[in-house]
Amino acid sequence: MRTSHPVREQQTTLEAFRRLPPVEPRDLVGLWKGRGVPAGHPFDGVLENLGWFGKRFTPDMRADALLFRAGERRLVAIDPKWIPLPLALRFHGLGRTRIARNLFFYLQRRLRARGPVASLKTMVFGGVESAAMVYDHQPIVDHFRRIDDRRVMGTMVIRSDERFYFFELERVDEP
C-alpha cells in the first residue's frame, strides 16, 4: 500500500514546475487539451471526472478558462464565477463521484460562460516571468511553463490557499 504525502508531492511537483522554462502569452493562443498532474491537491481527479477538456486562448489575450465536453464533438465554456471555491475545496471528494458528474452535466447550460472569463498576461512566479491566466471573477491565477513545443505545465494558485493544483496542456489543432 502506497502512503500519500501531499506536502511532499506538492513540493516535488512544484520543484519540477519551477525548473521548466518560461512561455510567452502569445505562444499559448489556440485550443489546449488538459489533464491533471496528481500532486496531493484536493482537486486531483475532480476536473477529469466532470468532463474537463482544457482551455482556449484567443489572440486578444483572453481565455476560456474551463472548457468541458458536452457530448462527443461539442465543447462548452463554463464560467468559474459560479463555482463556490471554499465549498469545492472542502467537499472535494464529492467532485470525484458519478453523482457529481451527472449533476454537472445537467447544470452545464446554466454555468455556461457568455464569453472569455480570464486574461492572459506575463507575471512573476517563483522568481521567473512567464505567461499566466488571471480569472476575472475568482481569486485564481494559472501560471504556465513550457515543457516542449506542444505542451505546457500549469499550476493553479488560489489566493489564501497554500496548495497548488498542477496540470498539463497539450496543443490541439483546431479543425
N, C-alpha and C. Protein backbone atom coordinates (compact mmCIF):
# COMPACT_ATOMS: atom_id res chain seq x y z
N MET A 1 0.84 -1.19 0.00
CA MET A 1 0.00 0.00 0.00
C MET A 1 0.88 1.25 0.00
N ARG A 2 0.57 2.18 -0.89
CA ARG A 2 1.34 3.41 -1.00
C ARG A 2 0.78 4.44 -0.04
N THR A 3 1.66 5.04 0.74
CA THR A 3 1.25 6.09 1.65
C THR A 3 1.41 7.43 0.94
N SER A 4 0.36 8.22 0.93
CA SER A 4 0.38 9.51 0.27
C SER A 4 0.89 10.59 1.22
N HIS A 5 1.79 11.42 0.73
CA HIS A 5 2.31 12.56 1.49
C HIS A 5 2.07 13.81 0.66
N PRO A 6 0.87 14.42 0.80
CA PRO A 6 0.51 15.55 -0.05
C PRO A 6 1.53 16.69 -0.05
N VAL A 7 2.09 17.02 1.11
CA VAL A 7 3.03 18.13 1.17
C VAL A 7 4.28 17.80 0.36
N ARG A 8 4.78 16.58 0.50
CA ARG A 8 5.97 16.16 -0.24
C ARG A 8 5.66 16.12 -1.74
N GLU A 9 4.49 15.58 -2.11
CA GLU A 9 4.10 15.53 -3.52
C GLU A 9 4.01 16.94 -4.11
N GLN A 10 3.43 17.86 -3.34
CA GLN A 10 3.31 19.25 -3.79
C GLN A 10 4.69 19.85 -4.03
N GLN A 11 5.61 19.66 -3.07
CA GLN A 11 6.96 20.23 -3.18
C GLN A 11 7.71 19.65 -4.37
N THR A 12 7.65 18.34 -4.55
CA THR A 12 8.35 17.68 -5.65
C THR A 12 7.84 18.19 -6.99
N THR A 13 6.52 18.28 -7.15
CA THR A 13 5.93 18.73 -8.40
C THR A 13 6.21 20.21 -8.62
N LEU A 14 6.17 21.01 -7.55
CA LEU A 14 6.47 22.44 -7.66
C LEU A 14 7.92 22.65 -8.10
N GLU A 15 8.84 21.87 -7.56
CA GLU A 15 10.25 21.98 -7.98
C GLU A 15 10.41 21.64 -9.45
N ALA A 16 9.72 20.59 -9.92
CA ALA A 16 9.77 20.22 -11.34
C ALA A 16 9.20 21.36 -12.21
N PHE A 17 8.10 21.94 -11.77
CA PHE A 17 7.48 23.06 -12.48
C PHE A 17 8.45 24.23 -12.58
N ARG A 18 9.09 24.58 -11.48
CA ARG A 18 9.99 25.74 -11.45
C ARG A 18 11.22 25.54 -12.33
N ARG A 19 11.60 24.31 -12.60
CA ARG A 19 12.76 24.04 -13.47
C ARG A 19 12.44 24.23 -14.95
N LEU A 20 11.16 24.25 -15.30
CA LEU A 20 10.77 24.40 -16.70
C LEU A 20 10.97 25.84 -17.16
N PRO A 21 11.27 26.03 -18.47
CA PRO A 21 11.48 27.38 -18.99
C PRO A 21 10.16 28.14 -19.13
N PRO A 22 10.24 29.47 -19.13
CA PRO A 22 9.03 30.29 -19.27
C PRO A 22 8.43 30.17 -20.66
N VAL A 23 7.19 30.63 -20.77
CA VAL A 23 6.48 30.66 -22.05
C VAL A 23 5.84 32.04 -22.18
N GLU A 24 5.81 32.55 -23.40
CA GLU A 24 5.20 33.84 -23.68
C GLU A 24 3.69 33.68 -23.84
N PRO A 25 2.89 34.64 -23.37
CA PRO A 25 1.44 34.55 -23.54
C PRO A 25 1.01 34.30 -24.99
N ARG A 26 1.63 34.99 -25.95
CA ARG A 26 1.25 34.83 -27.37
C ARG A 26 1.46 33.40 -27.86
N ASP A 27 2.38 32.66 -27.22
CA ASP A 27 2.63 31.27 -27.63
C ASP A 27 1.52 30.32 -27.18
N LEU A 28 0.60 30.80 -26.35
CA LEU A 28 -0.49 29.96 -25.85
C LEU A 28 -1.77 30.08 -26.67
N VAL A 29 -1.81 31.04 -27.59
CA VAL A 29 -3.03 31.26 -28.37
C VAL A 29 -3.42 29.96 -29.08
N GLY A 30 -4.68 29.55 -28.88
CA GLY A 30 -5.19 28.34 -29.51
C GLY A 30 -5.94 27.48 -28.52
N LEU A 31 -6.24 26.26 -28.95
CA LEU A 31 -7.00 25.29 -28.15
C LEU A 31 -6.04 24.29 -27.53
N TRP A 32 -6.26 23.98 -26.25
CA TRP A 32 -5.38 23.09 -25.49
C TRP A 32 -6.20 22.05 -24.75
N LYS A 33 -5.77 20.80 -24.85
CA LYS A 33 -6.40 19.70 -24.11
C LYS A 33 -5.65 19.54 -22.79
N GLY A 34 -6.40 19.41 -21.70
CA GLY A 34 -5.77 19.36 -20.39
C GLY A 34 -5.89 18.01 -19.70
N ARG A 35 -4.99 17.81 -18.75
CA ARG A 35 -5.07 16.66 -17.84
C ARG A 35 -4.39 17.08 -16.55
N GLY A 36 -4.97 16.63 -15.44
CA GLY A 36 -4.40 16.94 -14.15
C GLY A 36 -3.10 16.17 -13.92
N VAL A 37 -2.22 16.76 -13.12
CA VAL A 37 -0.99 16.11 -12.69
C VAL A 37 -1.15 15.88 -11.19
N PRO A 38 -1.47 14.65 -10.78
CA PRO A 38 -1.73 14.39 -9.35
C PRO A 38 -0.53 14.75 -8.48
N ALA A 39 -0.81 15.58 -7.47
CA ALA A 39 0.26 16.03 -6.58
C ALA A 39 -0.28 16.31 -5.18
N GLY A 40 -1.37 15.64 -4.81
CA GLY A 40 -1.89 15.81 -3.46
C GLY A 40 -2.80 17.01 -3.25
N HIS A 41 -3.33 17.59 -4.33
CA HIS A 41 -4.27 18.71 -4.20
C HIS A 41 -5.69 18.15 -4.10
N PRO A 42 -6.57 18.82 -3.35
CA PRO A 42 -7.96 18.35 -3.25
C PRO A 42 -8.66 18.20 -4.60
N PHE A 43 -8.28 18.97 -5.60
CA PHE A 43 -8.94 18.90 -6.90
C PHE A 43 -8.38 17.81 -7.80
N ASP A 44 -7.35 17.07 -7.37
CA ASP A 44 -6.81 15.99 -8.20
C ASP A 44 -7.95 15.03 -8.59
N GLY A 45 -8.15 14.84 -9.89
CA GLY A 45 -9.17 13.93 -10.39
C GLY A 45 -10.55 14.53 -10.54
N VAL A 46 -10.80 15.68 -9.95
CA VAL A 46 -12.15 16.26 -9.99
C VAL A 46 -12.50 16.76 -11.39
N LEU A 47 -11.63 17.56 -11.99
CA LEU A 47 -11.95 18.11 -13.31
C LEU A 47 -12.15 17.01 -14.34
N GLU A 48 -11.29 16.00 -14.31
CA GLU A 48 -11.42 14.89 -15.25
C GLU A 48 -12.76 14.17 -15.06
N ASN A 49 -13.17 13.97 -13.83
CA ASN A 49 -14.45 13.32 -13.55
C ASN A 49 -15.61 14.12 -14.13
N LEU A 50 -15.49 15.44 -14.14
CA LEU A 50 -16.57 16.30 -14.61
C LEU A 50 -16.54 16.51 -16.12
N GLY A 51 -15.57 15.91 -16.81
CA GLY A 51 -15.51 16.02 -18.26
C GLY A 51 -14.68 17.18 -18.78
N TRP A 52 -13.70 17.63 -17.99
CA TRP A 52 -12.85 18.74 -18.41
C TRP A 52 -12.13 18.41 -19.70
N PHE A 53 -12.17 19.35 -20.64
CA PHE A 53 -11.42 19.19 -21.89
C PHE A 53 -10.10 19.95 -21.81
N GLY A 54 -10.14 21.24 -21.43
CA GLY A 54 -8.92 22.04 -21.39
C GLY A 54 -9.23 23.53 -21.38
N LYS A 55 -8.44 24.28 -22.18
CA LYS A 55 -8.53 25.74 -22.21
C LYS A 55 -8.38 26.23 -23.64
N ARG A 56 -8.90 27.45 -23.89
CA ARG A 56 -8.72 28.11 -25.18
C ARG A 56 -8.26 29.54 -24.92
N PHE A 57 -7.19 29.93 -25.62
CA PHE A 57 -6.65 31.29 -25.50
C PHE A 57 -6.81 32.00 -26.84
N THR A 58 -7.32 33.23 -26.79
CA THR A 58 -7.60 33.99 -28.02
C THR A 58 -6.48 35.00 -28.30
N PRO A 59 -6.37 35.45 -29.57
CA PRO A 59 -5.31 36.41 -29.92
C PRO A 59 -5.37 37.73 -29.15
N ASP A 60 -6.55 38.08 -28.61
CA ASP A 60 -6.66 39.32 -27.83
C ASP A 60 -6.31 39.10 -26.35
N MET A 61 -5.65 37.97 -26.06
CA MET A 61 -5.14 37.63 -24.72
C MET A 61 -6.26 37.41 -23.71
N ARG A 62 -7.38 36.88 -24.19
CA ARG A 62 -8.48 36.48 -23.33
C ARG A 62 -8.55 34.95 -23.36
N ALA A 63 -9.32 34.36 -22.43
CA ALA A 63 -9.32 32.91 -22.33
C ALA A 63 -10.66 32.34 -21.90
N ASP A 64 -10.96 31.16 -22.47
CA ASP A 64 -11.99 30.28 -21.94
C ASP A 64 -11.23 29.41 -20.94
N ALA A 65 -11.38 29.71 -19.67
CA ALA A 65 -10.56 29.09 -18.63
C ALA A 65 -10.92 27.63 -18.39
N LEU A 66 -12.19 27.29 -18.55
CA LEU A 66 -12.65 25.93 -18.27
C LEU A 66 -13.54 25.44 -19.42
N LEU A 67 -12.97 24.63 -20.28
CA LEU A 67 -13.73 24.02 -21.36
C LEU A 67 -14.07 22.59 -20.98
N PHE A 68 -15.35 22.23 -21.14
CA PHE A 68 -15.80 20.88 -20.81
C PHE A 68 -16.42 20.24 -22.03
N ARG A 69 -16.37 18.92 -22.09
CA ARG A 69 -17.01 18.17 -23.15
C ARG A 69 -18.53 18.18 -22.92
N ALA A 70 -19.25 18.43 -24.00
CA ALA A 70 -20.71 18.34 -23.96
C ALA A 70 -21.10 17.44 -25.12
N GLY A 71 -21.04 16.16 -24.88
CA GLY A 71 -21.26 15.21 -25.95
C GLY A 71 -19.95 14.89 -26.64
N GLU A 72 -20.05 14.24 -27.79
CA GLU A 72 -18.88 13.72 -28.50
C GLU A 72 -18.04 14.82 -29.14
N ARG A 73 -18.67 15.82 -29.74
CA ARG A 73 -17.94 16.79 -30.55
C ARG A 73 -18.07 18.24 -30.08
N ARG A 74 -18.79 18.51 -29.03
CA ARG A 74 -19.02 19.88 -28.59
C ARG A 74 -18.24 20.20 -27.32
N LEU A 75 -17.76 21.43 -27.26
CA LEU A 75 -17.12 21.94 -26.05
C LEU A 75 -17.96 23.08 -25.51
N VAL A 76 -18.06 23.14 -24.19
CA VAL A 76 -18.80 24.20 -23.52
C VAL A 76 -17.85 24.93 -22.58
N ALA A 77 -17.81 26.26 -22.71
CA ALA A 77 -17.02 27.08 -21.80
C ALA A 77 -17.86 27.38 -20.57
N ILE A 78 -17.32 27.03 -19.41
CA ILE A 78 -18.02 27.25 -18.14
C ILE A 78 -17.47 28.52 -17.49
N ASP A 79 -18.35 29.30 -16.88
CA ASP A 79 -17.91 30.49 -16.15
C ASP A 79 -17.60 30.10 -14.71
N PRO A 80 -16.32 30.17 -14.31
CA PRO A 80 -15.94 29.74 -12.96
C PRO A 80 -16.50 30.63 -11.85
N LYS A 81 -17.10 31.78 -12.19
CA LYS A 81 -17.64 32.63 -11.13
C LYS A 81 -18.76 31.93 -10.36
N TRP A 82 -19.39 30.91 -10.97
CA TRP A 82 -20.48 30.19 -10.32
C TRP A 82 -19.99 29.09 -9.38
N ILE A 83 -18.69 28.83 -9.36
CA ILE A 83 -18.15 27.75 -8.54
C ILE A 83 -17.80 28.28 -7.14
N PRO A 84 -18.46 27.78 -6.10
CA PRO A 84 -18.15 28.23 -4.73
C PRO A 84 -16.84 27.57 -4.26
N LEU A 85 -15.72 28.27 -4.45
CA LEU A 85 -14.41 27.69 -4.17
C LEU A 85 -14.26 27.11 -2.76
N PRO A 86 -14.65 27.84 -1.71
CA PRO A 86 -14.48 27.25 -0.36
C PRO A 86 -15.21 25.92 -0.20
N LEU A 87 -16.42 25.82 -0.75
CA LEU A 87 -17.17 24.56 -0.67
C LEU A 87 -16.53 23.48 -1.53
N ALA A 88 -16.08 23.86 -2.73
CA ALA A 88 -15.44 22.90 -3.62
C ALA A 88 -14.18 22.32 -2.99
N LEU A 89 -13.41 23.17 -2.31
CA LEU A 89 -12.19 22.69 -1.64
C LEU A 89 -12.53 21.80 -0.45
N ARG A 90 -13.56 22.18 0.28
CA ARG A 90 -13.92 21.42 1.49
C ARG A 90 -14.52 20.05 1.17
N PHE A 91 -15.37 20.01 0.14
CA PHE A 91 -16.07 18.77 -0.21
C PHE A 91 -15.56 18.19 -1.52
N HIS A 92 -14.24 18.27 -1.73
CA HIS A 92 -13.62 17.84 -2.98
C HIS A 92 -13.88 16.37 -3.31
N GLY A 93 -14.03 15.52 -2.32
CA GLY A 93 -14.27 14.10 -2.57
C GLY A 93 -15.54 13.88 -3.37
N LEU A 94 -16.54 14.71 -3.13
CA LEU A 94 -17.80 14.61 -3.87
C LEU A 94 -17.58 14.85 -5.36
N GLY A 95 -16.62 15.71 -5.70
CA GLY A 95 -16.35 16.04 -7.09
C GLY A 95 -15.83 14.89 -7.92
N ARG A 96 -15.44 13.79 -7.27
CA ARG A 96 -14.94 12.62 -7.99
C ARG A 96 -15.98 11.51 -8.10
N THR A 97 -17.25 11.83 -7.80
CA THR A 97 -18.31 10.81 -7.82
C THR A 97 -19.13 10.88 -9.11
N ARG A 98 -19.83 9.80 -9.38
CA ARG A 98 -20.73 9.75 -10.53
C ARG A 98 -21.86 10.76 -10.35
N ILE A 99 -22.35 10.91 -9.13
CA ILE A 99 -23.43 11.87 -8.86
C ILE A 99 -22.99 13.28 -9.28
N ALA A 100 -21.78 13.67 -8.89
CA ALA A 100 -21.27 15.00 -9.26
C ALA A 100 -21.16 15.14 -10.77
N ARG A 101 -20.66 14.10 -11.44
CA ARG A 101 -20.51 14.13 -12.91
C ARG A 101 -21.88 14.32 -13.57
N ASN A 102 -22.88 13.57 -13.13
CA ASN A 102 -24.23 13.67 -13.71
C ASN A 102 -24.85 15.04 -13.43
N LEU A 103 -24.69 15.53 -12.20
CA LEU A 103 -25.24 16.83 -11.84
C LEU A 103 -24.57 17.94 -12.64
N PHE A 104 -23.25 17.86 -12.78
CA PHE A 104 -22.51 18.87 -13.53
C PHE A 104 -22.95 18.89 -14.99
N PHE A 105 -23.12 17.71 -15.59
CA PHE A 105 -23.58 17.64 -16.98
C PHE A 105 -24.95 18.31 -17.12
N TYR A 106 -25.82 18.07 -16.16
CA TYR A 106 -27.16 18.66 -16.16
C TYR A 106 -27.10 20.19 -16.02
N LEU A 107 -26.14 20.69 -15.20
CA LEU A 107 -26.04 22.13 -14.91
C LEU A 107 -25.23 22.92 -15.94
N GLN A 108 -24.56 22.25 -16.87
CA GLN A 108 -23.68 22.95 -17.80
C GLN A 108 -24.34 24.14 -18.50
N ARG A 109 -25.58 23.97 -18.91
CA ARG A 109 -26.27 25.06 -19.63
C ARG A 109 -26.35 26.32 -18.75
N ARG A 110 -26.64 26.14 -17.47
CA ARG A 110 -26.76 27.28 -16.56
C ARG A 110 -25.39 27.88 -16.20
N LEU A 111 -24.34 27.09 -16.26
CA LEU A 111 -23.00 27.55 -15.88
C LEU A 111 -22.21 28.11 -17.07
N ARG A 112 -22.81 28.06 -18.24
CA ARG A 112 -22.11 28.46 -19.47
C ARG A 112 -21.62 29.91 -19.41
N ALA A 113 -20.40 30.11 -19.92
CA ALA A 113 -19.82 31.45 -19.99
C ALA A 113 -20.42 32.21 -21.16
N ARG A 114 -20.53 33.51 -21.03
CA ARG A 114 -21.06 34.37 -22.09
C ARG A 114 -19.92 34.98 -22.92
N GLY A 115 -18.74 34.42 -22.80
CA GLY A 115 -17.54 34.92 -23.48
C GLY A 115 -16.34 34.56 -22.63
N PRO A 116 -15.15 34.97 -23.05
CA PRO A 116 -13.95 34.66 -22.27
C PRO A 116 -14.06 35.18 -20.83
N VAL A 117 -13.46 34.44 -19.89
CA VAL A 117 -13.63 34.74 -18.46
C VAL A 117 -12.30 34.95 -17.74
N ALA A 118 -11.21 35.10 -18.51
CA ALA A 118 -9.90 35.30 -17.90
C ALA A 118 -9.00 36.02 -18.90
N SER A 119 -7.90 36.58 -18.38
CA SER A 119 -6.93 37.30 -19.21
C SER A 119 -5.56 36.65 -19.14
N LEU A 120 -4.89 36.63 -20.28
CA LEU A 120 -3.51 36.15 -20.34
C LEU A 120 -2.58 37.32 -20.19
N LYS A 121 -1.57 37.16 -19.37
CA LYS A 121 -0.57 38.21 -19.20
C LYS A 121 0.73 37.58 -18.73
N THR A 122 1.73 38.39 -18.57
CA THR A 122 3.01 37.93 -18.04
C THR A 122 3.06 38.29 -16.56
N MET A 123 3.44 37.30 -15.74
CA MET A 123 3.54 37.52 -14.29
C MET A 123 4.76 36.77 -13.77
N VAL A 124 5.20 37.18 -12.60
CA VAL A 124 6.32 36.50 -11.95
C VAL A 124 5.79 35.45 -10.99
N PHE A 125 6.36 34.25 -11.08
CA PHE A 125 6.03 33.17 -10.15
C PHE A 125 7.33 32.42 -9.88
N GLY A 126 7.66 32.28 -8.62
CA GLY A 126 8.91 31.60 -8.27
C GLY A 126 10.13 32.30 -8.84
N GLY A 127 10.06 33.62 -8.96
CA GLY A 127 11.19 34.40 -9.44
C GLY A 127 11.37 34.40 -10.96
N VAL A 128 10.43 33.79 -11.70
CA VAL A 128 10.54 33.71 -13.16
C VAL A 128 9.31 34.36 -13.79
N GLU A 129 9.55 35.22 -14.78
CA GLU A 129 8.47 35.87 -15.51
C GLU A 129 8.02 34.94 -16.64
N SER A 130 6.72 34.62 -16.65
CA SER A 130 6.17 33.70 -17.65
C SER A 130 4.68 34.00 -17.83
N ALA A 131 4.07 33.33 -18.78
CA ALA A 131 2.64 33.52 -19.04
C ALA A 131 1.81 33.08 -17.84
N ALA A 132 0.71 33.81 -17.62
CA ALA A 132 -0.23 33.48 -16.55
C ALA A 132 -1.63 33.85 -17.02
N MET A 133 -2.61 33.13 -16.50
CA MET A 133 -4.00 33.41 -16.80
C MET A 133 -4.68 33.84 -15.51
N VAL A 134 -5.21 35.06 -15.51
CA VAL A 134 -5.88 35.63 -14.34
C VAL A 134 -7.38 35.55 -14.55
N TYR A 135 -8.07 34.86 -13.65
CA TYR A 135 -9.52 34.72 -13.73
C TYR A 135 -10.18 36.06 -13.41
N ASP A 136 -11.25 36.38 -14.13
CA ASP A 136 -11.96 37.65 -13.94
C ASP A 136 -12.69 37.72 -12.60
N HIS A 137 -13.37 36.64 -12.20
CA HIS A 137 -14.26 36.70 -11.04
C HIS A 137 -13.97 35.65 -9.98
N GLN A 138 -12.75 35.17 -9.94
CA GLN A 138 -12.31 34.24 -8.89
C GLN A 138 -10.89 34.64 -8.50
N PRO A 139 -10.50 34.38 -7.26
CA PRO A 139 -9.15 34.71 -6.82
C PRO A 139 -8.14 33.64 -7.26
N ILE A 140 -8.08 33.40 -8.58
CA ILE A 140 -7.26 32.32 -9.13
C ILE A 140 -6.34 32.86 -10.22
N VAL A 141 -5.10 32.37 -10.20
CA VAL A 141 -4.16 32.62 -11.29
C VAL A 141 -3.54 31.27 -11.67
N ASP A 142 -3.55 30.98 -12.97
CA ASP A 142 -2.86 29.80 -13.50
C ASP A 142 -1.53 30.29 -14.08
N HIS A 143 -0.43 29.74 -13.60
CA HIS A 143 0.91 30.08 -14.10
C HIS A 143 1.37 28.97 -15.03
N PHE A 144 2.05 29.34 -16.12
CA PHE A 144 2.45 28.36 -17.13
C PHE A 144 3.95 28.34 -17.36
N ARG A 145 4.46 27.13 -17.68
CA ARG A 145 5.85 26.94 -18.09
C ARG A 145 5.86 25.96 -19.26
N ARG A 146 6.86 26.10 -20.12
CA ARG A 146 6.95 25.29 -21.33
C ARG A 146 7.57 23.92 -21.03
N ILE A 147 6.92 22.86 -21.53
CA ILE A 147 7.51 21.52 -21.49
C ILE A 147 8.23 21.28 -22.81
N ASP A 148 7.53 21.52 -23.93
CA ASP A 148 8.11 21.42 -25.27
C ASP A 148 7.23 22.25 -26.20
N ASP A 149 7.40 22.08 -27.52
CA ASP A 149 6.67 22.92 -28.48
C ASP A 149 5.15 22.74 -28.44
N ARG A 150 4.68 21.60 -27.98
CA ARG A 150 3.24 21.32 -27.98
C ARG A 150 2.62 21.21 -26.59
N ARG A 151 3.44 21.26 -25.55
CA ARG A 151 2.92 21.07 -24.19
C ARG A 151 3.44 22.13 -23.22
N VAL A 152 2.55 22.50 -22.30
CA VAL A 152 2.93 23.38 -21.19
C VAL A 152 2.43 22.75 -19.90
N MET A 153 3.07 23.12 -18.81
CA MET A 153 2.61 22.70 -17.49
C MET A 153 2.05 23.94 -16.82
N GLY A 154 0.98 23.75 -16.07
CA GLY A 154 0.38 24.86 -15.36
C GLY A 154 0.23 24.54 -13.89
N THR A 155 0.20 25.59 -13.09
CA THR A 155 -0.15 25.43 -11.68
C THR A 155 -1.20 26.48 -11.35
N MET A 156 -2.29 26.01 -10.78
CA MET A 156 -3.38 26.89 -10.37
C MET A 156 -3.14 27.31 -8.93
N VAL A 157 -3.14 28.63 -8.72
CA VAL A 157 -2.93 29.19 -7.39
C VAL A 157 -4.21 29.91 -6.98
N ILE A 158 -4.76 29.50 -5.86
CA ILE A 158 -5.95 30.15 -5.31
C ILE A 158 -5.49 31.03 -4.15
N ARG A 159 -5.79 32.31 -4.22
CA ARG A 159 -5.39 33.22 -3.14
C ARG A 159 -5.94 32.70 -1.81
N SER A 160 -5.15 32.76 -0.80
CA SER A 160 -5.46 32.33 0.58
C SER A 160 -5.47 30.81 0.73
N ASP A 161 -4.93 30.08 -0.27
CA ASP A 161 -4.76 28.63 -0.14
C ASP A 161 -3.32 28.32 -0.56
N GLU A 162 -2.56 27.71 0.33
CA GLU A 162 -1.13 27.49 0.05
C GLU A 162 -0.86 26.30 -0.87
N ARG A 163 -1.89 25.53 -1.23
CA ARG A 163 -1.70 24.36 -2.09
C ARG A 163 -1.75 24.74 -3.56
N PHE A 164 -1.13 23.91 -4.39
CA PHE A 164 -1.08 24.13 -5.83
C PHE A 164 -1.75 22.96 -6.54
N TYR A 165 -2.58 23.29 -7.55
CA TYR A 165 -3.15 22.27 -8.42
C TYR A 165 -2.34 22.30 -9.71
N PHE A 166 -1.78 21.16 -10.10
CA PHE A 166 -0.94 21.10 -11.28
C PHE A 166 -1.68 20.42 -12.43
N PHE A 167 -1.39 20.88 -13.65
CA PHE A 167 -1.99 20.30 -14.83
C PHE A 167 -1.06 20.47 -16.02
N GLU A 168 -1.34 19.71 -17.05
CA GLU A 168 -0.57 19.79 -18.29
C GLU A 168 -1.55 20.10 -19.41
N LEU A 169 -1.13 20.92 -20.34
CA LEU A 169 -1.93 21.25 -21.51
C LEU A 169 -1.15 20.84 -22.77
N GLU A 170 -1.86 20.23 -23.71
CA GLU A 170 -1.25 19.88 -24.99
C GLU A 170 -2.03 20.56 -26.10
N ARG A 171 -1.29 21.21 -27.00
CA ARG A 171 -1.93 21.95 -28.09
C ARG A 171 -2.76 21.01 -28.96
N VAL A 172 -3.96 21.48 -29.34
CA VAL A 172 -4.86 20.71 -30.20
C VAL A 172 -5.01 21.52 -31.49
N ASP A 173 -4.85 20.86 -32.62
CA ASP A 173 -5.06 21.52 -33.90
C ASP A 173 -6.56 21.64 -34.13
N GLU A 174 -7.05 22.87 -34.17
CA GLU A 174 -8.49 23.08 -34.37
C GLU A 174 -8.85 22.81 -35.83
N PRO A 175 -10.03 22.21 -36.07
CA PRO A 175 -10.45 21.91 -37.45
C PRO A 175 -10.74 23.19 -38.24
